[in-house]
Amino acid sequence: MTSAARCGKRRTGRSIAAGKRASRAKKSEQTDGKNPGYTHSLLDWASGKARGLYTKVTPLEGTAATPPERIDATFLTSAPSLAEAPRDTAPEVAFAGRSNAGKSSVLNRVTGNRHLARTSKTPGRTQLINFFVTGFGGRLVDLPGYGYAKAAKRVQQAWQEHLEAYLAARPNLVAVVLVMDIRHPFEVFDRQLIAWAQAAGMRMHVLLNKADKLKHGARMRALADAKRVLAAPNFSVQLFSAQTGMGRDELIVHLAAWLTTEGSPTA
């Protein structure tokens, strides 16, 4: 083969390679446009399409299309029983869940304050009914965890009685957020609380927390299963991770609607 022929062959090879690279780049752009989740992080919450890959939450009436990044909240008081709870008409959203479901971490994530609710490596440290006033006018309520605390039986019984009294007799209560570990959902007490909410017609928003612990396919199957269980109109459910912030925006949309009172800055 002559020198000129060899040079021509090399130029032809380079042209073919360049054409293949351009074709792959164009195909990648098309794939990215059809399925953003394929090439973008599923935690890119700046993207509405990425949020839709987890759960579709219709904005509630009276809330902004773009929710705030966090809910401003400050500690108000702790009450050992319902008798010591604040006496007014401010709406309250109560957070309930097993002691190892990450309930306090969820509150800290949604408020952007990691010190708001007490967290511990030892589950079951929330022993009082804790009230936090928010910028929306209503209050967040951290209920005692259940099912794991290493405490005397009589103490655990007292916590459960106060929790049940709050749920059954608190007129301020407008919604309950039930925090469940996505890997161990619908434990006995979870089901009891769900049955109570169904019978009472109480709004309940279920968080499948620690969703970052599962791969995408497994977490989506868990979400689909939970939606089948919670098919009644007063229930809603979403994926959440207190660790990464997954699902924070969806939760804030719900809380903003329930906590807003007349005369508050967002009303």
C-alpha atoms as a PDB file:
ATOM      1  CA  MET A   1       0.000   0.000   0.000  1.00  0.00           C
ATOM      2  CA  THR A   2       1.395   3.393  -0.997  1.00  0.00           C
ATOM      3  CA  SER A   3       1.934   6.222   1.513  1.00  0.00           C
ATOM      4  CA  ALA A   4      -0.904   8.251  -0.010  1.00  0.00           C
ATOM      5  CA  ALA A   5      -3.268   5.281   0.253  1.00  0.00           C
ATOM      6  CA  ARG A   6      -2.370   4.749   3.913  1.00  0.00           C
ATOM      7  CA  CYS A   7      -2.992   8.440   4.711  1.00  0.00           C
ATOM      8  CA  GLY A   8      -6.357   8.271   2.943  1.00  0.00           C
ATOM      9  CA  LYS A   9      -7.357   5.202   4.926  1.00  0.00           C
ATOM     10  CA  ARG A  10      -6.453   6.895   8.238  1.00  0.00           C
ATOM     11  CA  ARG A  11      -8.509   9.983   7.301  1.00  0.00           C
ATOM     12  CA  THR A  12     -11.483   7.784   6.393  1.00  0.00           C
ATOM     13  CA  GLY A  13     -11.209   5.938   9.751  1.00  0.00           C
ATOM     14  CA  ARG A  14     -11.112   9.183  11.665  1.00  0.00           C
ATOM     15  CA  SER A  15     -14.197  10.462   9.828  1.00  0.00           C
ATOM     16  CA  ILE A  16     -16.142   7.283  10.603  1.00  0.00           C
ATOM     17  CA  ALA A  17     -15.172   7.482  14.306  1.00  0.00           C
ATOM     18  CA  ALA A  18     -16.181  11.129  14.483  1.00  0.00           C
ATOM     19  CA  GLY A  19     -19.519  10.314  12.891  1.00  0.00           C
ATOM     20  CA  LYS A  20     -20.173   7.553  15.458  1.00  0.00           C
ATOM     21  CA  ARG A  21     -19.345   9.918  18.348  1.00  0.00           C
ATOM     22  CA  ALA A  22     -21.736  12.542  16.987  1.00  0.00           C
ATOM     23  CA  SER A  23     -24.460   9.921  16.575  1.00  0.00           C
ATOM     24  CA  ARG A  24     -24.015   8.713  20.174  1.00  0.00           C
ATOM     25  CA  ALA A  25     -24.148  12.299  21.478  1.00  0.00           C
ATOM     26  CA  LYS A  26     -27.369  13.008  19.563  1.00  0.00           C
ATOM     27  CA  LYS A  27     -28.938   9.770  20.827  1.00  0.00           C
ATOM     28  CA  SER A  28     -27.955  10.660  24.408  1.00  0.00           C
ATOM     29  CA  GLU A  29     -29.644  14.065  24.076  1.00  0.00           C
ATOM     30  CA  GLN A  30     -32.817  12.438  22.791  1.00  0.00           C
ATOM     31  CA  THR A  31     -32.843   9.886  25.620  1.00  0.00           C
ATOM     32  CA  ASP A  32     -32.248  12.649  28.155  1.00  0.00           C
ATOM     33  CA  GLY A  33     -35.231  14.586  26.842  1.00  0.00           C
ATOM     34  CA  LYS A  34     -37.555  11.583  26.971  1.00  0.00           C
ATOM     35  CA  ASN A  35     -36.449  10.301  30.371  1.00  0.00           C
ATOM     36  CA  PRO A  36     -34.674  12.934  32.480  1.00  0.00           C
ATOM     37  CA  GLY A  37     -34.466  10.540  35.410  1.00  0.00           C
ATOM     38  CA  TYR A  38     -32.189   8.285  33.370  1.00  0.00           C
ATOM     39  CA  THR A  39     -29.328  10.751  33.240  1.00  0.00           C
ATOM     40  CA  HIS A  40     -30.196  13.161  36.087  1.00  0.00           C
ATOM     41  CA  SER A  41     -30.080  12.496  39.805  1.00  0.00           C
ATOM     42  CA  LEU A  42     -33.476  11.541  41.195  1.00  0.00           C
ATOM     43  CA  LEU A  43     -32.722  13.940  44.060  1.00  0.00           C
ATOM     44  CA  ASP A  44     -32.527  16.982  41.763  1.00  0.00           C
ATOM     45  CA  TRP A  45     -35.477  18.725  43.395  1.00  0.00           C
ATOM     46  CA  ALA A  46     -35.052  21.787  41.186  1.00  0.00           C
ATOM     47  CA  SER A  47     -36.664  19.695  38.460  1.00  0.00           C
ATOM     48  CA  GLY A  48     -40.420  19.190  38.550  1.00  0.00           C
ATOM     49  CA  LYS A  49     -40.031  16.151  36.309  1.00  0.00           C
ATOM     50  CA  ALA A  50     -37.580  14.580  38.753  1.00  0.00           C
ATOM     51  CA  ARG A  51     -40.035  15.113  41.602  1.00  0.00           C
ATOM     52  CA  GLY A  52     -42.685  13.360  39.542  1.00  0.00           C
ATOM     53  CA  LEU A  53     -40.581  10.197  39.415  1.00  0.00           C
ATOM     54  CA  TYR A  54     -41.131   9.708  43.115  1.00  0.00           C
ATOM     55  CA  THR A  55     -44.726  10.715  43.716  1.00  0.00           C
ATOM     56  CA  LYS A  56     -47.204  13.069  42.138  1.00  0.00           C
ATOM     57  CA  VAL A  57     -48.700  15.454  44.677  1.00  0.00           C
ATOM     58  CA  THR A  58     -51.296  17.873  43.393  1.00  0.00           C
ATOM     59  CA  PRO A  59     -50.723  21.347  44.913  1.00  0.00           C
ATOM     60  CA  LEU A  60     -53.400  21.944  47.514  1.00  0.00           C
ATOM     61  CA  GLU A  61     -55.738  24.913  47.371  1.00  0.00           C
ATOM     62  CA  GLY A  62     -54.312  28.015  48.994  1.00  0.00           C
ATOM     63  CA  THR A  63     -50.645  26.970  48.699  1.00  0.00           C
ATOM     64  CA  ALA A  64     -48.006  28.407  46.453  1.00  0.00           C
ATOM     65  CA  ALA A  65     -46.953  26.434  43.373  1.00  0.00           C
ATOM     66  CA  THR A  66     -43.392  26.509  44.690  1.00  0.00           C
ATOM     67  CA  PRO A  67     -43.300  25.680  48.404  1.00  0.00           C
ATOM     68  CA  PRO A  68     -40.717  27.234  50.722  1.00  0.00           C
ATOM     69  CA  GLU A  69     -37.515  25.308  51.310  1.00  0.00           C
ATOM     70  CA  ARG A  70     -38.386  24.838  54.965  1.00  0.00           C
ATOM     71  CA  ILE A  71     -41.057  25.517  57.543  1.00  0.00           C
ATOM     72  CA  ASP A  72     -40.066  28.119  60.115  1.00  0.00           C
ATOM     73  CA  ALA A  73     -40.760  26.573  63.508  1.00  0.00           C
ATOM     74  CA  THR A  74     -39.763  27.226  67.107  1.00  0.00           C
ATOM     75  CA  PHE A  75     -40.325  25.207  70.246  1.00  0.00           C
ATOM     76  CA  LEU A  76     -43.367  26.319  72.248  1.00  0.00           C
ATOM     77  CA  THR A  77     -43.900  23.864  75.104  1.00  0.00           C
ATOM     78  CA  SER A  78     -43.923  20.225  76.176  1.00  0.00           C
ATOM     79  CA  ALA A  79     -46.950  18.608  77.788  1.00  0.00           C
ATOM     80  CA  PRO A  80     -46.959  15.325  79.693  1.00  0.00           C
ATOM     81  CA  SER A  81     -50.675  14.980  78.958  1.00  0.00           C
ATOM     82  CA  LEU A  82     -53.503  16.600  77.029  1.00  0.00           C
ATOM     83  CA  ALA A  83     -54.508  18.638  80.077  1.00  0.00           C
ATOM     84  CA  GLU A  84     -51.268  20.669  79.791  1.00  0.00           C
ATOM     85  CA  ALA A  85     -51.579  21.328  76.046  1.00  0.00           C
ATOM     86  CA  PRO A  86     -51.947  24.919  74.754  1.00  0.00           C
ATOM     87  CA  ARG A  87     -55.506  26.236  75.061  1.00  0.00           C
ATOM     88  CA  ASP A  88     -56.390  28.021  71.835  1.00  0.00           C
ATOM     89  CA  THR A  89     -57.757  27.213  68.377  1.00  0.00           C
ATOM     90  CA  ALA A  90     -54.546  27.106  66.303  1.00  0.00           C
ATOM     91  CA  PRO A  91     -54.567  24.137  63.888  1.00  0.00           C
ATOM     92  CA  GLU A  92     -52.133  21.334  64.677  1.00  0.00           C
ATOM     93  CA  VAL A  93     -50.515  18.647  62.550  1.00  0.00           C
ATOM     94  CA  ALA A  94     -49.288  15.730  64.647  1.00  0.00           C
ATOM     95  CA  PHE A  95     -46.314  13.544  63.747  1.00  0.00           C
ATOM     96  CA  ALA A  96     -46.617   9.939  64.902  1.00  0.00           C
ATOM     97  CA  GLY A  97     -44.580   6.819  64.286  1.00  0.00           C
ATOM     98  CA  ARG A  98     -42.579   3.980  65.727  1.00  0.00           C
ATOM     99  CA  SER A  99     -39.657   5.009  67.877  1.00  0.00           C
ATOM    100  CA  ASN A 100     -37.140   3.851  65.275  1.00  0.00           C
ATOM    101  CA  ALA A 101     -38.912   5.213  62.179  1.00  0.00           C
ATOM    102  CA  GLY A 102     -37.001   8.521  62.246  1.00  0.00           C
ATOM    103  CA  LYS A 103     -39.889  10.807  63.234  1.00  0.00           C
ATOM    104  CA  SER A 104     -37.767  13.448  64.968  1.00  0.00           C
ATOM    105  CA  SER A 105     -35.297  13.477  62.060  1.00  0.00           C
ATOM    106  CA  VAL A 106     -38.201  14.110  59.671  1.00  0.00           C
ATOM    107  CA  LEU A 107     -39.266  17.149  61.705  1.00  0.00           C
ATOM    108  CA  ASN A 108     -35.706  18.464  61.725  1.00  0.00           C
ATOM    109  CA  ARG A 109     -35.401  18.016  57.959  1.00  0.00           C
ATOM    110  CA  VAL A 110     -38.684  19.743  57.069  1.00  0.00           C
ATOM    111  CA  THR A 111     -37.900  22.710  59.346  1.00  0.00           C
ATOM    112  CA  GLY A 112     -34.259  22.954  58.311  1.00  0.00           C
ATOM    113  CA  ASN A 113     -33.251  22.835  61.977  1.00  0.00           C
ATOM    114  CA  ARG A 114     -31.423  19.710  63.045  1.00  0.00           C
ATOM    115  CA  HIS A 115     -31.832  20.678  66.700  1.00  0.00           C
ATOM    116  CA  LEU A 116     -35.596  21.339  66.665  1.00  0.00           C
ATOM    117  CA  ALA A 117     -36.716  17.857  67.683  1.00  0.00           C
ATOM    118  CA  ARG A 118     -34.519  15.751  69.894  1.00  0.00           C
ATOM    119  CA  THR A 119     -32.856  12.860  68.078  1.00  0.00           C
ATOM    120  CA  SER A 120     -30.929  10.027  69.636  1.00  0.00           C
ATOM    121  CA  LYS A 121     -29.205   6.786  68.718  1.00  0.00           C
ATOM    122  CA  THR A 122     -31.514   5.246  71.318  1.00  0.00           C
ATOM    123  CA  PRO A 123     -35.077   5.157  69.892  1.00  0.00           C
ATOM    124  CA  GLY A 124     -37.961   6.193  72.110  1.00  0.00           C
ATOM    125  CA  ARG A 125     -36.507   9.336  73.664  1.00  0.00           C
ATOM    126  CA  THR A 126     -39.552  11.484  72.806  1.00  0.00           C
ATOM    127  CA  GLN A 127     -41.589  11.011  75.971  1.00  0.00           C
ATOM    128  CA  LEU A 128     -43.728  14.176  76.026  1.00  0.00           C
ATOM    129  CA  ILE A 129     -46.134  15.824  73.603  1.00  0.00           C
ATOM    130  CA  ASN A 130     -43.970  18.574  72.084  1.00  0.00           C
ATOM    131  CA  PHE A 131     -45.498  21.640  70.426  1.00  0.00           C
ATOM    132  CA  PHE A 132     -43.761  23.851  67.850  1.00  0.00           C
ATOM    133  CA  VAL A 133     -45.279  27.088  66.546  1.00  0.00           C
ATOM    134  CA  THR A 134     -44.794  27.770  62.813  1.00  0.00           C
ATOM    135  CA  GLY A 135     -44.747  30.818  60.566  1.00  0.00           C
ATOM    136  CA  PHE A 136     -48.009  29.597  59.011  1.00  0.00           C
ATOM    137  CA  GLY A 137     -49.869  30.202  62.266  1.00  0.00           C
ATOM    138  CA  GLY A 138     -50.496  26.550  63.126  1.00  0.00           C
ATOM    139  CA  ARG A 139     -48.378  24.140  65.138  1.00  0.00           C
ATOM    140  CA  LEU A 140     -46.382  20.984  64.542  1.00  0.00           C
ATOM    141  CA  VAL A 141     -46.805  18.390  67.280  1.00  0.00           C
ATOM    142  CA  ASP A 142     -44.230  15.680  67.996  1.00  0.00           C
ATOM    143  CA  LEU A 143     -46.021  12.773  69.661  1.00  0.00           C
ATOM    144  CA  PRO A 144     -44.243  10.145  71.781  1.00  0.00           C
ATOM    145  CA  GLY A 145     -42.849   7.291  69.703  1.00  0.00           C
ATOM    146  CA  TYR A 146     -44.218   3.820  70.232  1.00  0.00           C
ATOM    147  CA  GLY A 147     -43.161   0.201  70.119  1.00  0.00           C
ATOM    148  CA  TYR A 148     -39.454   0.257  70.948  1.00  0.00           C
ATOM    149  CA  ALA A 149     -38.594   2.481  73.911  1.00  0.00           C
ATOM    150  CA  LYS A 150     -36.619   0.768  76.646  1.00  0.00           C
ATOM    151  CA  ALA A 151     -38.754   1.948  79.521  1.00  0.00           C
ATOM    152  CA  ALA A 152     -40.850   0.383  82.235  1.00  0.00           C
ATOM    153  CA  LYS A 153     -44.148  -1.079  81.035  1.00  0.00           C
ATOM    154  CA  ARG A 154     -46.159   1.337  83.166  1.00  0.00           C
ATOM    155  CA  VAL A 155     -44.278   4.287  81.630  1.00  0.00           C
ATOM    156  CA  GLN A 156     -44.897   3.006  78.103  1.00  0.00           C
ATOM    157  CA  GLN A 157     -48.573   2.513  78.973  1.00  0.00           C
ATOM    158  CA  ALA A 158     -48.780   6.112  80.201  1.00  0.00           C
ATOM    159  CA  TRP A 159     -47.235   7.399  76.954  1.00  0.00           C
ATOM    160  CA  GLN A 160     -49.733   5.406  74.909  1.00  0.00           C
ATOM    161  CA  GLU A 161     -52.667   6.682  76.956  1.00  0.00           C
ATOM    162  CA  HIS A 162     -51.582  10.313  76.490  1.00  0.00           C
ATOM    163  CA  LEU A 163     -51.038   9.758  72.763  1.00  0.00           C
ATOM    164  CA  GLU A 164     -54.473   8.190  72.371  1.00  0.00           C
ATOM    165  CA  ALA A 165     -56.082  10.968  74.426  1.00  0.00           C
ATOM    166  CA  TYR A 166     -54.494  13.616  72.210  1.00  0.00           C
ATOM    167  CA  LEU A 167     -55.654  11.915  69.007  1.00  0.00           C
ATOM    168  CA  ALA A 168     -59.164  11.245  70.266  1.00  0.00           C
ATOM    169  CA  ALA A 169     -59.944  14.513  72.056  1.00  0.00           C
ATOM    170  CA  ARG A 170     -57.777  17.319  70.659  1.00  0.00           C
ATOM    171  CA  PRO A 171     -60.070  19.690  68.717  1.00  0.00           C
ATOM    172  CA  ASN A 172     -57.072  21.527  67.192  1.00  0.00           C
ATOM    173  CA  LEU A 173     -55.915  18.425  65.325  1.00  0.00           C
ATOM    174  CA  VAL A 174     -56.397  18.792  61.555  1.00  0.00           C
ATOM    175  CA  ALA A 175     -54.070  16.103  60.175  1.00  0.00           C
ATOM    176  CA  VAL A 176     -51.677  13.347  61.178  1.00  0.00           C
ATOM    177  CA  VAL A 177     -48.357  12.571  59.521  1.00  0.00           C
ATOM    178  CA  LEU A 178     -47.533   8.908  60.074  1.00  0.00           C
ATOM    179  CA  VAL A 179     -43.824   8.128  59.693  1.00  0.00           C
ATOM    180  CA  MET A 180     -42.992   4.547  58.750  1.00  0.00           C
ATOM    181  CA  ASP A 181     -39.679   2.877  57.904  1.00  0.00           C
ATOM    182  CA  ILE A 182     -40.098   1.921  54.242  1.00  0.00           C
ATOM    183  CA  ARG A 183     -38.323  -1.366  54.950  1.00  0.00           C
ATOM    184  CA  HIS A 184     -40.792  -2.287  57.722  1.00  0.00           C
ATOM    185  CA  PRO A 185     -44.127  -0.614  56.877  1.00  0.00           C
ATOM    186  CA  PHE A 186     -47.553  -1.265  58.366  1.00  0.00           C
ATOM    187  CA  GLU A 187     -46.550  -2.658  61.739  1.00  0.00           C
ATOM    188  CA  VAL A 188     -49.331  -3.422  64.219  1.00  0.00           C
ATOM    189  CA  PHE A 189     -49.600   0.051  65.752  1.00  0.00           C
ATOM    190  CA  ASP A 190     -49.295   1.675  62.311  1.00  0.00           C
ATOM    191  CA  ARG A 191     -52.346  -0.279  61.201  1.00  0.00           C
ATOM    192  CA  GLN A 192     -54.219   0.639  64.372  1.00  0.00           C
ATOM    193  CA  LEU A 193     -53.522   4.331  63.798  1.00  0.00           C
ATOM    194  CA  ILE A 194     -54.564   4.048  60.157  1.00  0.00           C
ATOM    195  CA  ALA A 195     -57.804   2.322  61.184  1.00  0.00           C
ATOM    196  CA  TRP A 196     -58.498   5.106  63.685  1.00  0.00           C
ATOM    197  CA  ALA A 197     -57.909   7.802  61.044  1.00  0.00           C
ATOM    198  CA  GLN A 198     -60.216   5.994  58.642  1.00  0.00           C
ATOM    199  CA  ALA A 199     -62.984   5.704  61.237  1.00  0.00           C
ATOM    200  CA  ALA A 200     -62.570   9.322  62.363  1.00  0.00           C
ATOM    201  CA  GLY A 201     -62.293  10.718  58.836  1.00  0.00           C
ATOM    202  CA  MET A 202     -58.989  12.334  59.837  1.00  0.00           C
ATOM    203  CA  ARG A 203     -56.555  13.427  57.144  1.00  0.00           C
ATOM    204  CA  MET A 204     -53.456  11.237  57.255  1.00  0.00           C
ATOM    205  CA  HIS A 205     -50.294  11.689  55.213  1.00  0.00           C
ATOM    206  CA  VAL A 206     -47.985   8.676  55.340  1.00  0.00           C
ATOM    207  CA  LEU A 207     -44.230   9.043  54.904  1.00  0.00           C
ATOM    208  CA  LEU A 208     -42.258   6.013  53.759  1.00  0.00           C
ATOM    209  CA  ASN A 209     -39.102   7.251  55.447  1.00  0.00           C
ATOM    210  CA  LYS A 210     -35.544   5.993  54.869  1.00  0.00           C
ATOM    211  CA  ALA A 211     -36.330   5.535  51.170  1.00  0.00           C
ATOM    212  CA  ASP A 212     -32.660   6.192  50.426  1.00  0.00           C
ATOM    213  CA  LYS A 213     -31.932   2.762  51.935  1.00  0.00           C
ATOM    214  CA  LEU A 214     -33.631   1.034  48.980  1.00  0.00           C
ATOM    215  CA  LYS A 215     -32.841   1.011  45.292  1.00  0.00           C
ATOM    216  CA  HIS A 216     -35.162   2.903  42.969  1.00  0.00           C
ATOM    217  CA  GLY A 217     -37.161  -0.127  41.830  1.00  0.00           C
ATOM    218  CA  ALA A 218     -37.728  -1.394  45.361  1.00  0.00           C
ATOM    219  CA  ARG A 219     -38.835   1.991  46.681  1.00  0.00           C
ATOM    220  CA  MET A 220     -41.287   2.460  43.810  1.00  0.00           C
ATOM    221  CA  ARG A 221     -42.798  -0.970  44.489  1.00  0.00           C
ATOM    222  CA  ALA A 222     -43.131  -0.084  48.171  1.00  0.00           C
ATOM    223  CA  LEU A 223     -44.878   3.170  47.231  1.00  0.00           C
ATOM    224  CA  ALA A 224     -47.290   1.362  44.904  1.00  0.00           C
ATOM    225  CA  ASP A 225     -48.094  -1.203  47.616  1.00  0.00           C
ATOM    226  CA  ALA A 226     -48.733   1.544  50.187  1.00  0.00           C
ATOM    227  CA  LYS A 227     -51.041   3.395  47.800  1.00  0.00           C
ATOM    228  CA  ARG A 228     -53.105   0.234  47.384  1.00  0.00           C
ATOM    229  CA  VAL A 229     -53.437  -0.106  51.164  1.00  0.00           C
ATOM    230  CA  LEU A 230     -54.227   3.593  51.644  1.00  0.00           C
ATOM    231  CA  ALA A 231     -56.825   3.991  48.921  1.00  0.00           C
ATOM    232  CA  ALA A 232     -59.344   6.060  50.935  1.00  0.00           C
ATOM    233  CA  PRO A 233     -59.745   9.780  50.034  1.00  0.00           C
ATOM    234  CA  ASN A 234     -58.449  11.059  53.395  1.00  0.00           C
ATOM    235  CA  PHE A 235     -55.085   9.289  52.936  1.00  0.00           C
ATOM    236  CA  SER A 236     -52.015  10.271  50.945  1.00  0.00           C
ATOM    237  CA  VAL A 237     -48.568   8.702  50.845  1.00  0.00           C
ATOM    238  CA  GLN A 238     -45.109   9.564  49.577  1.00  0.00           C
ATOM    239  CA  LEU A 239     -41.477   8.524  49.660  1.00  0.00           C
ATOM    240  CA  PHE A 240     -39.246  10.399  52.066  1.00  0.00           C
ATOM    241  CA  SER A 241     -35.698  10.447  53.371  1.00  0.00           C
ATOM    242  CA  ALA A 242     -34.779  12.528  56.396  1.00  0.00           C
ATOM    243  CA  GLN A 243     -31.160  11.740  55.550  1.00  0.00           C
ATOM    244  CA  THR A 244     -31.085  13.143  52.003  1.00  0.00           C
ATOM    245  CA  GLY A 245     -34.145  15.411  51.877  1.00  0.00           C
ATOM    246  CA  MET A 246     -35.970  13.270  49.323  1.00  0.00           C
ATOM    247  CA  GLY A 247     -39.668  14.230  49.340  1.00  0.00           C
ATOM    248  CA  ARG A 248     -39.241  17.374  51.442  1.00  0.00           C
ATOM    249  CA  ASP A 249     -41.078  19.623  48.967  1.00  0.00           C
ATOM    250  CA  GLU A 250     -44.113  17.350  48.746  1.00  0.00           C
ATOM    251  CA  LEU A 251     -44.439  17.221  52.511  1.00  0.00           C
ATOM    252  CA  ILE A 252     -44.147  20.996  52.854  1.00  0.00           C
ATOM    253  CA  VAL A 253     -46.997  21.467  50.336  1.00  0.00           C
ATOM    254  CA  HIS A 254     -49.300  19.437  52.574  1.00  0.00           C
ATOM    255  CA  LEU A 255     -48.156  21.029  55.822  1.00  0.00           C
ATOM    256  CA  ALA A 256     -48.481  24.574  54.455  1.00  0.00           C
ATOM    257  CA  ALA A 257     -52.122  23.956  53.527  1.00  0.00           C
ATOM    258  CA  TRP A 258     -53.018  22.440  56.878  1.00  0.00           C
ATOM    259  CA  LEU A 259     -51.116  24.875  59.110  1.00  0.00           C
ATOM    260  CA  THR A 260     -52.082  28.178  57.501  1.00  0.00           C
ATOM    261  CA  THR A 261     -54.445  30.320  59.580  1.00  0.00           C
ATOM    262  CA  GLU A 262     -56.170  33.618  58.877  1.00  0.00           C
ATOM    263  CA  GLY A 263     -53.827  36.513  59.594  1.00  0.00           C
ATOM    264  CA  SER A 264     -50.651  34.480  59.101  1.00  0.00           C
ATOM    265  CA  PRO A 265     -48.062  35.823  56.615  1.00  0.00           C
ATOM    266  CA  THR A 266     -49.008  33.185  54.018  1.00  0.00           C
ATOM    267  CA  ALA A 267     -52.788  33.294  54.437  1.00  0.00           C
END
